[in-house]
N, C-alpha and C. Protein backbone atom coordinates (compact mmCIF):
# COMPACT_ATOMS: atom_id res chain seq x y z
N MET A 1 -29.24 -11.84 11.04
CA MET A 1 -28.03 -11.81 11.83
C MET A 1 -28.39 -11.30 13.23
N MET A 2 -27.69 -11.85 14.24
CA MET A 2 -27.98 -11.56 15.54
C MET A 2 -27.14 -10.40 16.11
N GLN A 3 -27.75 -9.45 16.80
CA GLN A 3 -27.02 -8.32 17.32
C GLN A 3 -26.56 -8.71 18.77
N ARG A 4 -25.27 -8.40 19.02
CA ARG A 4 -24.73 -8.66 20.29
C ARG A 4 -24.75 -7.39 21.16
N SER A 5 -24.91 -7.58 22.38
CA SER A 5 -24.84 -6.47 23.40
C SER A 5 -23.51 -6.19 23.74
N HIS A 6 -23.12 -4.94 23.80
CA HIS A 6 -21.74 -4.52 24.18
C HIS A 6 -21.56 -4.19 25.63
N SER A 7 -22.31 -4.89 26.42
CA SER A 7 -22.21 -4.68 27.91
C SER A 7 -20.91 -5.30 28.44
N ALA A 8 -20.59 -4.99 29.65
CA ALA A 8 -19.40 -5.53 30.27
C ALA A 8 -19.42 -6.99 30.50
N ALA A 9 -20.62 -7.55 30.58
CA ALA A 9 -20.82 -9.03 30.83
C ALA A 9 -20.67 -9.87 29.64
N SER A 10 -20.63 -9.25 28.42
CA SER A 10 -20.58 -10.05 27.21
C SER A 10 -19.18 -10.02 26.59
N GLY A 11 -18.96 -10.96 25.77
CA GLY A 11 -17.70 -10.98 24.92
C GLY A 11 -16.63 -11.79 25.58
N HIS A 12 -15.47 -11.60 25.04
CA HIS A 12 -14.25 -12.34 25.45
C HIS A 12 -13.78 -11.89 26.88
N PRO A 13 -13.27 -12.80 27.67
CA PRO A 13 -12.85 -12.36 29.01
C PRO A 13 -11.74 -11.25 29.03
N PHE A 14 -10.97 -11.16 28.07
CA PHE A 14 -9.92 -10.15 27.98
C PHE A 14 -10.64 -8.81 27.81
N ARG A 15 -11.63 -8.78 26.90
CA ARG A 15 -12.35 -7.55 26.61
C ARG A 15 -13.11 -7.10 27.88
N ARG A 16 -13.57 -8.03 28.62
CA ARG A 16 -14.28 -7.66 29.90
C ARG A 16 -13.32 -7.00 30.85
N SER A 17 -12.05 -7.45 30.86
CA SER A 17 -11.05 -6.96 31.80
C SER A 17 -10.54 -5.58 31.42
N VAL A 18 -10.60 -5.15 30.17
CA VAL A 18 -10.14 -3.88 29.71
C VAL A 18 -11.14 -2.77 29.99
N LEU A 19 -10.74 -1.68 30.56
CA LEU A 19 -11.57 -0.64 30.85
C LEU A 19 -11.70 0.30 29.66
N ARG A 20 -12.91 0.53 29.23
CA ARG A 20 -13.13 1.38 28.03
C ARG A 20 -13.14 2.91 28.45
N GLY A 21 -12.56 3.61 27.48
CA GLY A 21 -12.60 5.09 27.63
C GLY A 21 -11.59 5.66 28.70
N ARG A 22 -10.68 4.81 29.11
CA ARG A 22 -9.81 5.28 30.21
C ARG A 22 -8.43 5.40 29.65
N VAL A 23 -8.20 5.42 28.38
CA VAL A 23 -6.81 5.46 27.82
C VAL A 23 -6.46 6.93 27.54
N ARG A 24 -5.34 7.37 28.15
CA ARG A 24 -4.86 8.73 27.95
C ARG A 24 -3.91 8.70 26.71
N PRO A 25 -3.97 9.71 25.89
CA PRO A 25 -3.06 9.77 24.79
C PRO A 25 -1.60 9.97 25.20
N LEU A 26 -0.66 9.35 24.56
CA LEU A 26 0.74 9.49 24.94
C LEU A 26 1.22 10.83 24.49
N ARG A 27 2.08 11.50 25.41
CA ARG A 27 2.65 12.72 25.01
C ARG A 27 4.10 12.48 24.58
N VAL A 28 4.45 13.03 23.46
CA VAL A 28 5.83 12.80 23.00
C VAL A 28 6.59 14.07 23.34
N ARG A 29 7.63 13.99 24.04
CA ARG A 29 8.49 15.09 24.46
C ARG A 29 9.38 15.40 23.24
N GLU A 30 9.71 16.70 23.12
CA GLU A 30 10.62 17.01 21.97
C GLU A 30 11.98 16.56 22.14
N GLU A 31 12.50 16.44 23.46
CA GLU A 31 13.75 15.89 23.64
C GLU A 31 13.81 14.37 23.24
N ASP A 32 12.72 13.68 23.53
CA ASP A 32 12.65 12.24 23.14
C ASP A 32 12.63 12.13 21.59
N GLY A 33 11.98 13.00 20.95
CA GLY A 33 11.95 12.94 19.51
C GLY A 33 13.29 13.22 18.88
N ASP A 34 14.06 14.10 19.46
CA ASP A 34 15.41 14.52 19.03
C ASP A 34 16.27 13.26 19.29
N MET A 35 16.18 12.64 20.42
CA MET A 35 17.05 11.52 20.72
C MET A 35 16.74 10.35 19.76
N LYS A 36 15.44 10.10 19.43
CA LYS A 36 15.08 9.04 18.49
C LYS A 36 15.71 9.32 17.16
N LEU A 37 15.62 10.62 16.69
CA LEU A 37 16.19 10.99 15.40
C LEU A 37 17.69 10.80 15.39
N PHE A 38 18.38 11.13 16.46
CA PHE A 38 19.85 10.93 16.53
C PHE A 38 20.14 9.43 16.52
N VAL A 39 19.43 8.62 17.23
CA VAL A 39 19.76 7.18 17.24
C VAL A 39 19.42 6.61 15.84
N LEU A 40 18.40 7.00 15.20
CA LEU A 40 18.08 6.47 13.89
C LEU A 40 19.13 6.87 12.88
N SER A 41 19.58 8.21 12.94
CA SER A 41 20.56 8.66 12.02
C SER A 41 21.89 7.99 12.26
N PHE A 42 22.32 7.85 13.47
CA PHE A 42 23.57 7.16 13.75
C PHE A 42 23.54 5.68 13.37
N THR A 43 22.44 5.01 13.56
CA THR A 43 22.35 3.60 13.16
C THR A 43 22.39 3.48 11.63
N ALA A 44 21.69 4.38 10.97
CA ALA A 44 21.74 4.33 9.42
C ALA A 44 23.12 4.58 8.92
N PHE A 45 23.86 5.57 9.48
CA PHE A 45 25.22 5.81 9.07
C PHE A 45 26.06 4.65 9.35
N PHE A 46 25.94 3.95 10.53
CA PHE A 46 26.76 2.85 10.92
C PHE A 46 26.49 1.66 9.91
N VAL A 47 25.22 1.40 9.61
CA VAL A 47 24.92 0.38 8.69
C VAL A 47 25.53 0.64 7.27
N CYS A 48 25.32 1.76 6.79
CA CYS A 48 25.93 2.15 5.45
C CYS A 48 27.41 2.10 5.47
N PHE A 49 28.09 2.59 6.46
CA PHE A 49 29.51 2.52 6.57
C PHE A 49 29.98 1.06 6.64
N TYR A 50 29.29 0.25 7.43
CA TYR A 50 29.71 -1.15 7.68
C TYR A 50 29.50 -1.93 6.36
N THR A 51 28.49 -1.63 5.58
CA THR A 51 28.29 -2.39 4.28
C THR A 51 29.34 -1.99 3.25
N LEU A 52 29.91 -0.76 3.34
CA LEU A 52 30.95 -0.37 2.43
C LEU A 52 32.27 -1.12 2.71
N ILE A 53 32.49 -1.35 4.05
CA ILE A 53 33.73 -2.03 4.44
C ILE A 53 33.63 -3.51 4.21
N ALA A 54 32.49 -4.18 4.39
CA ALA A 54 32.29 -5.57 4.26
C ALA A 54 32.31 -6.08 2.89
């Protein structure tokens, strides 16, 4: 089996265009998490209530 070099000049053009090691982790704010939980809960309640009516 042939070993490939992982240099920037080899591989798919998209892989060459992506910078390696420059990705910062996303920070989740607590307010954002609370809002997502509220929207999820509200949507679940709406779906359950709507299925009881229909």
